[in-house]
Amino acid sequence: MAGQMNPHSRTTTSFQRRKLLGAAAAWLALSATAQASSMWPEVRAALPQAGLAGSTRLRVWGFEVYDAQLWVEPGFRANQYDKHPLALSLSYLRALKGAAIAERSLKEIRGIGPVPEGQAAQWLRAMTQLFPDVQAGDRLTGLHQPGVGARFWLNGQPLGSIADGRFSAAFFGIWLAEATSEPTLRRELLGGAAS
């Protein structure tokens, strides 16, 4: 009869809708997990055994600056981060000048502990020469090599290195040292790493 509804059709439609929504939600969750845990090529090449410890977003005064991901190898200890190889990727959400990134980095390093003037000037010069201007969507990746120094990539392409183990430990301390100016960011980056 026209205009009459089969009482089972509503149940079937509702069941099918729930089933489709459940499948879509599962696919989205799986896709997000796969995307978050898929390793950048430069990290895979440098640290093939590494896994994602954690990720977070830096916001300053309400402005979104970058998404950060920390990659560590098995056996990593957060309280001894400077003794372990690790990689940190920053995916920028806004344009920034390379010189401003270098200056802010030195300010953050000095906030963690004292740096002699001559050393500070040398580190600032090295970072200013190495760090490029970035646009929204650009990714800077840094590799900490304990006792050796740091290597850097822009969007997977090598930028260069700073061969100074003390610099590398201090630089990655911006995010990982207990005295960091961003303790919540540190906690989220170290989420899956041992203390």
C-alpha atoms as a PDB file:
ATOM      1  CA  MET A   1       0.000   0.000   0.000  1.00  0.00           C
ATOM      2  CA  ALA A   2       1.320   3.390  -0.937  1.00  0.00           C
ATOM      3  CA  GLY A   3       2.071   5.678   2.000  1.00  0.00           C
ATOM      4  CA  GLN A   4       2.442   2.821   4.498  1.00  0.00           C
ATOM      5  CA  MET A   5       5.820   2.064   5.913  1.00  0.00           C
ATOM      6  CA  ASN A   6       7.174  -1.384   6.527  1.00  0.00           C
ATOM      7  CA  PRO A   7       7.968  -1.453  10.282  1.00  0.00           C
ATOM      8  CA  HIS A   8      11.134  -3.465   9.588  1.00  0.00           C
ATOM      9  CA  SER A   9      12.487  -0.956   7.062  1.00  0.00           C
ATOM     10  CA  ARG A  10      13.078   1.696   9.760  1.00  0.00           C
ATOM     11  CA  THR A  11      14.964  -0.840  11.897  1.00  0.00           C
ATOM     12  CA  THR A  12      16.985  -2.038   8.936  1.00  0.00           C
ATOM     13  CA  THR A  13      17.795   1.522   7.852  1.00  0.00           C
ATOM     14  CA  SER A  14      18.756   2.507  11.395  1.00  0.00           C
ATOM     15  CA  PHE A  15      20.909  -0.622  11.767  1.00  0.00           C
ATOM     16  CA  GLN A  16      22.602  -0.039   8.409  1.00  0.00           C
ATOM     17  CA  ARG A  17      23.232   3.616   9.289  1.00  0.00           C
ATOM     18  CA  ARG A  18      24.830   2.640  12.633  1.00  0.00           C
ATOM     19  CA  LYS A  19      26.920   0.000  10.889  1.00  0.00           C
ATOM     20  CA  LEU A  20      28.127   2.499   8.258  1.00  0.00           C
ATOM     21  CA  LEU A  21      28.857   5.168  10.876  1.00  0.00           C
ATOM     22  CA  GLY A  22      30.765   2.639  12.988  1.00  0.00           C
ATOM     23  CA  ALA A  23      32.809   1.535   9.972  1.00  0.00           C
ATOM     24  CA  ALA A  24      33.522   5.156   9.023  1.00  0.00           C
ATOM     25  CA  ALA A  25      34.602   6.003  12.593  1.00  0.00           C
ATOM     26  CA  ALA A  26      36.892   2.964  12.712  1.00  0.00           C
ATOM     27  CA  TRP A  27      38.435   3.891   9.362  1.00  0.00           C
ATOM     28  CA  LEU A  28      39.016   7.496  10.482  1.00  0.00           C
ATOM     29  CA  ALA A  29      40.611   6.362  13.748  1.00  0.00           C
ATOM     30  CA  LEU A  30      42.834   3.873  11.938  1.00  0.00           C
ATOM     31  CA  SER A  31      43.775   6.456   9.323  1.00  0.00           C
ATOM     32  CA  ALA A  32      44.673   9.062  11.983  1.00  0.00           C
ATOM     33  CA  THR A  33      46.744   6.505  13.913  1.00  0.00           C
ATOM     34  CA  ALA A  34      48.573   5.384  10.782  1.00  0.00           C
ATOM     35  CA  GLN A  35      49.261   8.972   9.771  1.00  0.00           C
ATOM     36  CA  ALA A  36      50.530   9.949  13.231  1.00  0.00           C
ATOM     37  CA  SER A  37      52.759   6.911  13.523  1.00  0.00           C
ATOM     38  CA  SER A  38      54.139   6.840   9.971  1.00  0.00           C
ATOM     39  CA  MET A  39      57.771   7.840  10.122  1.00  0.00           C
ATOM     40  CA  TRP A  40      59.155  10.660   7.987  1.00  0.00           C
ATOM     41  CA  PRO A  41      61.697   9.341   5.428  1.00  0.00           C
ATOM     42  CA  GLU A  42      64.620  11.251   6.971  1.00  0.00           C
ATOM     43  CA  VAL A  43      63.808   9.782  10.393  1.00  0.00           C
ATOM     44  CA  ARG A  44      63.455   6.267   8.970  1.00  0.00           C
ATOM     45  CA  ALA A  45      66.871   6.574   7.273  1.00  0.00           C
ATOM     46  CA  ALA A  46      68.623   7.946  10.369  1.00  0.00           C
ATOM     47  CA  LEU A  47      66.836   5.896  13.070  1.00  0.00           C
ATOM     48  CA  PRO A  48      65.292   2.806  11.453  1.00  0.00           C
ATOM     49  CA  GLN A  49      64.398   1.215  14.829  1.00  0.00           C
ATOM     50  CA  ALA A  50      62.706   4.353  16.183  1.00  0.00           C
ATOM     51  CA  GLY A  51      59.084   4.696  17.139  1.00  0.00           C
ATOM     52  CA  LEU A  52      56.869   7.669  17.846  1.00  0.00           C
ATOM     53  CA  ALA A  53      57.139   8.620  21.538  1.00  0.00           C
ATOM     54  CA  GLY A  54      54.575  11.402  21.320  1.00  0.00           C
ATOM     55  CA  SER A  55      53.250  14.373  19.406  1.00  0.00           C
ATOM     56  CA  THR A  56      51.739  17.735  20.283  1.00  0.00           C
ATOM     57  CA  ARG A  57      50.945  21.206  18.988  1.00  0.00           C
ATOM     58  CA  LEU A  58      52.683  24.369  20.180  1.00  0.00           C
ATOM     59  CA  ARG A  59      50.397  27.346  20.698  1.00  0.00           C
ATOM     60  CA  VAL A  60      51.763  30.705  21.819  1.00  0.00           C
ATOM     61  CA  TRP A  61      49.296  33.411  22.916  1.00  0.00           C
ATOM     62  CA  GLY A  62      46.555  31.588  21.031  1.00  0.00           C
ATOM     63  CA  PHE A  63      48.567  31.309  17.800  1.00  0.00           C
ATOM     64  CA  GLU A  64      49.298  27.827  16.466  1.00  0.00           C
ATOM     65  CA  VAL A  65      53.013  27.604  15.673  1.00  0.00           C
ATOM     66  CA  TYR A  66      53.848  23.983  14.833  1.00  0.00           C
ATOM     67  CA  ASP A  67      53.011  20.319  15.328  1.00  0.00           C
ATOM     68  CA  ALA A  68      55.869  18.401  16.941  1.00  0.00           C
ATOM     69  CA  GLN A  69      56.702  14.698  16.825  1.00  0.00           C
ATOM     70  CA  LEU A  70      59.410  12.962  18.849  1.00  0.00           C
ATOM     71  CA  TRP A  71      60.947   9.742  17.541  1.00  0.00           C
ATOM     72  CA  VAL A  72      63.075   7.555  19.825  1.00  0.00           C
ATOM     73  CA  GLU A  73      64.725   4.144  19.694  1.00  0.00           C
ATOM     74  CA  PRO A  74      64.018   1.226  22.056  1.00  0.00           C
ATOM     75  CA  GLY A  75      65.645   1.758  25.454  1.00  0.00           C
ATOM     76  CA  PHE A  76      65.186   5.541  25.391  1.00  0.00           C
ATOM     77  CA  ARG A  77      65.035   7.152  28.838  1.00  0.00           C
ATOM     78  CA  ALA A  78      63.404  10.580  29.095  1.00  0.00           C
ATOM     79  CA  ASN A  79      65.524  11.666  32.063  1.00  0.00           C
ATOM     80  CA  GLN A  80      68.646  10.922  29.984  1.00  0.00           C
ATOM     81  CA  TYR A  81      67.365  12.198  26.633  1.00  0.00           C
ATOM     82  CA  ASP A  82      70.764  13.724  25.795  1.00  0.00           C
ATOM     83  CA  LYS A  83      72.423  10.294  25.895  1.00  0.00           C
ATOM     84  CA  HIS A  84      70.133   8.761  23.249  1.00  0.00           C
ATOM     85  CA  PRO A  85      69.813   9.323  19.496  1.00  0.00           C
ATOM     86  CA  LEU A  86      66.440  10.891  18.742  1.00  0.00           C
ATOM     87  CA  ALA A  87      64.648  12.882  16.079  1.00  0.00           C
ATOM     88  CA  LEU A  88      62.263  15.777  16.479  1.00  0.00           C
ATOM     89  CA  SER A  89      60.078  16.951  13.594  1.00  0.00           C
ATOM     90  CA  LEU A  90      58.341  20.329  13.619  1.00  0.00           C
ATOM     91  CA  SER A  91      55.618  20.818  11.009  1.00  0.00           C
ATOM     92  CA  TYR A  92      55.057  24.567  10.863  1.00  0.00           C
ATOM     93  CA  LEU A  93      51.562  26.038  10.797  1.00  0.00           C
ATOM     94  CA  ARG A  94      52.698  29.596  10.001  1.00  0.00           C
ATOM     95  CA  ALA A  95      55.552  31.392   8.250  1.00  0.00           C
ATOM     96  CA  LEU A  96      58.626  32.232  10.334  1.00  0.00           C
ATOM     97  CA  LYS A  97      62.035  33.700   9.507  1.00  0.00           C
ATOM     98  CA  GLY A  98      65.016  31.400  10.013  1.00  0.00           C
ATOM     99  CA  ALA A  99      66.828  34.113  11.978  1.00  0.00           C
ATOM    100  CA  ALA A 100      63.841  34.396  14.342  1.00  0.00           C
ATOM    101  CA  ILE A 101      63.850  30.608  14.859  1.00  0.00           C
ATOM    102  CA  ALA A 102      67.580  30.748  15.687  1.00  0.00           C
ATOM    103  CA  GLU A 103      67.175  33.666  18.110  1.00  0.00           C
ATOM    104  CA  ARG A 104      64.221  32.045  19.877  1.00  0.00           C
ATOM    105  CA  SER A 105      66.140  28.760  20.090  1.00  0.00           C
ATOM    106  CA  LEU A 106      69.073  30.468  21.802  1.00  0.00           C
ATOM    107  CA  LYS A 107      66.718  32.247  24.219  1.00  0.00           C
ATOM    108  CA  GLU A 108      65.111  28.906  25.130  1.00  0.00           C
ATOM    109  CA  ILE A 109      68.529  27.230  25.549  1.00  0.00           C
ATOM    110  CA  ARG A 110      69.593  30.022  27.911  1.00  0.00           C
ATOM    111  CA  GLY A 111      66.362  29.589  29.866  1.00  0.00           C
ATOM    112  CA  ILE A 112      67.375  26.015  30.651  1.00  0.00           C
ATOM    113  CA  GLY A 113      70.884  26.869  31.825  1.00  0.00           C
ATOM    114  CA  PRO A 114      73.728  29.370  31.481  1.00  0.00           C
ATOM    115  CA  VAL A 115      75.685  29.536  28.220  1.00  0.00           C
ATOM    116  CA  PRO A 116      78.960  31.513  28.052  1.00  0.00           C
ATOM    117  CA  GLU A 117      78.723  34.582  25.777  1.00  0.00           C
ATOM    118  CA  GLY A 118      81.285  33.307  23.268  1.00  0.00           C
ATOM    119  CA  GLN A 119      79.547  29.935  23.035  1.00  0.00           C
ATOM    120  CA  ALA A 120      76.133  31.598  22.673  1.00  0.00           C
ATOM    121  CA  ALA A 121      77.389  33.801  19.822  1.00  0.00           C
ATOM    122  CA  GLN A 122      78.902  30.770  18.052  1.00  0.00           C
ATOM    123  CA  TRP A 123      75.686  28.732  18.400  1.00  0.00           C
ATOM    124  CA  LEU A 124      73.524  31.629  17.229  1.00  0.00           C
ATOM    125  CA  ARG A 125      75.728  32.143  14.175  1.00  0.00           C
ATOM    126  CA  ALA A 126      75.588  28.414  13.314  1.00  0.00           C
ATOM    127  CA  MET A 127      71.793  28.251  13.682  1.00  0.00           C
ATOM    128  CA  THR A 128      71.244  31.474  11.728  1.00  0.00           C
ATOM    129  CA  GLN A 129      73.321  30.116   8.832  1.00  0.00           C
ATOM    130  CA  LEU A 130      71.523  26.772   8.904  1.00  0.00           C
ATOM    131  CA  PHE A 131      67.846  27.457   9.663  1.00  0.00           C
ATOM    132  CA  PRO A 132      65.825  28.596   6.627  1.00  0.00           C
ATOM    133  CA  ASP A 133      62.714  30.734   6.522  1.00  0.00           C
ATOM    134  CA  VAL A 134      59.707  28.422   6.780  1.00  0.00           C
ATOM    135  CA  GLN A 135      56.184  28.617   5.418  1.00  0.00           C
ATOM    136  CA  ALA A 136      53.029  26.952   6.700  1.00  0.00           C
ATOM    137  CA  GLY A 137      53.328  23.276   5.732  1.00  0.00           C
ATOM    138  CA  ASP A 138      57.143  23.130   5.930  1.00  0.00           C
ATOM    139  CA  ARG A 139      58.739  20.475   8.130  1.00  0.00           C
ATOM    140  CA  LEU A 140      62.049  20.876   9.954  1.00  0.00           C
ATOM    141  CA  THR A 141      63.512  17.677  11.369  1.00  0.00           C
ATOM    142  CA  GLY A 142      66.463  17.567  13.733  1.00  0.00           C
ATOM    143  CA  LEU A 143      68.497  14.495  14.676  1.00  0.00           C
ATOM    144  CA  HIS A 144      70.352  14.428  17.998  1.00  0.00           C
ATOM    145  CA  GLN A 145      73.556  12.380  17.856  1.00  0.00           C
ATOM    146  CA  PRO A 146      74.910  12.156  21.424  1.00  0.00           C
ATOM    147  CA  GLY A 147      78.439  13.519  21.750  1.00  0.00           C
ATOM    148  CA  VAL A 148      78.570  14.276  18.012  1.00  0.00           C
ATOM    149  CA  GLY A 149      76.066  17.022  17.201  1.00  0.00           C
ATOM    150  CA  ALA A 150      72.838  17.633  15.349  1.00  0.00           C
ATOM    151  CA  ARG A 151      71.732  17.134  11.741  1.00  0.00           C
ATOM    152  CA  PHE A 152      68.807  18.972  10.165  1.00  0.00           C
ATOM    153  CA  TRP A 153      66.437  18.516   7.210  1.00  0.00           C
ATOM    154  CA  LEU A 154      63.815  20.740   5.596  1.00  0.00           C
ATOM    155  CA  ASN A 155      60.929  18.748   4.085  1.00  0.00           C
ATOM    156  CA  GLY A 156      63.184  15.690   3.978  1.00  0.00           C
ATOM    157  CA  GLN A 157      66.069  17.465   2.207  1.00  0.00           C
ATOM    158  CA  PRO A 158      69.382  17.815   4.109  1.00  0.00           C
ATOM    159  CA  LEU A 159      70.148  21.296   5.452  1.00  0.00           C
ATOM    160  CA  GLY A 160      73.420  20.497   7.204  1.00  0.00           C
ATOM    161  CA  SER A 161      74.723  19.809  10.667  1.00  0.00           C
ATOM    162  CA  ILE A 162      76.242  21.455  13.708  1.00  0.00           C
ATOM    163  CA  ALA A 163      79.090  19.252  14.914  1.00  0.00           C
ATOM    164  CA  ASP A 164      78.946  20.080  18.603  1.00  0.00           C
ATOM    165  CA  GLY A 165      77.601  17.560  21.097  1.00  0.00           C
ATOM    166  CA  ARG A 166      77.007  20.223  23.764  1.00  0.00           C
ATOM    167  CA  PHE A 167      74.981  22.307  21.332  1.00  0.00           C
ATOM    168  CA  SER A 168      72.880  19.303  20.310  1.00  0.00           C
ATOM    169  CA  ALA A 169      72.073  18.344  23.918  1.00  0.00           C
ATOM    170  CA  ALA A 170      71.174  21.959  24.740  1.00  0.00           C
ATOM    171  CA  PHE A 171      69.129  22.437  21.556  1.00  0.00           C
ATOM    172  CA  PHE A 172      66.963  19.340  22.039  1.00  0.00           C
ATOM    173  CA  GLY A 173      66.678  20.294  25.705  1.00  0.00           C
ATOM    174  CA  ILE A 174      64.411  23.124  24.521  1.00  0.00           C
ATOM    175  CA  TRP A 175      61.708  20.451  24.253  1.00  0.00           C
ATOM    176  CA  LEU A 176      63.009  17.631  26.463  1.00  0.00           C
ATOM    177  CA  ALA A 177      64.865  19.098  29.459  1.00  0.00           C
ATOM    178  CA  GLU A 178      62.981  19.160  32.749  1.00  0.00           C
ATOM    179  CA  ALA A 179      63.620  22.934  32.900  1.00  0.00           C
ATOM    180  CA  THR A 180      61.891  23.557  29.534  1.00  0.00           C
ATOM    181  CA  SER A 181      59.619  26.596  29.314  1.00  0.00           C
ATOM    182  CA  GLU A 182      56.893  24.282  27.907  1.00  0.00           C
ATOM    183  CA  PRO A 183      56.395  21.431  30.430  1.00  0.00           C
ATOM    184  CA  THR A 184      53.040  20.374  28.933  1.00  0.00           C
ATOM    185  CA  LEU A 185      54.587  20.117  25.476  1.00  0.00           C
ATOM    186  CA  ARG A 186      57.451  18.047  26.971  1.00  0.00           C
ATOM    187  CA  ARG A 187      55.023  15.695  28.705  1.00  0.00           C
ATOM    188  CA  GLU A 188      53.028  15.170  25.484  1.00  0.00           C
ATOM    189  CA  LEU A 189      56.152  14.569  23.404  1.00  0.00           C
ATOM    190  CA  LEU A 190      57.469  12.058  25.935  1.00  0.00           C
ATOM    191  CA  GLY A 191      54.058  10.396  26.279  1.00  0.00           C
ATOM    192  CA  GLY A 192      55.178   6.948  25.194  1.00  0.00           C
ATOM    193  CA  ALA A 193      58.769   7.138  26.484  1.00  0.00           C
ATOM    194  CA  ALA A 194      60.103   5.699  29.710  1.00  0.00           C
ATOM    195  CA  SER A 195      61.135   8.001  32.561  1.00  0.00           C
END
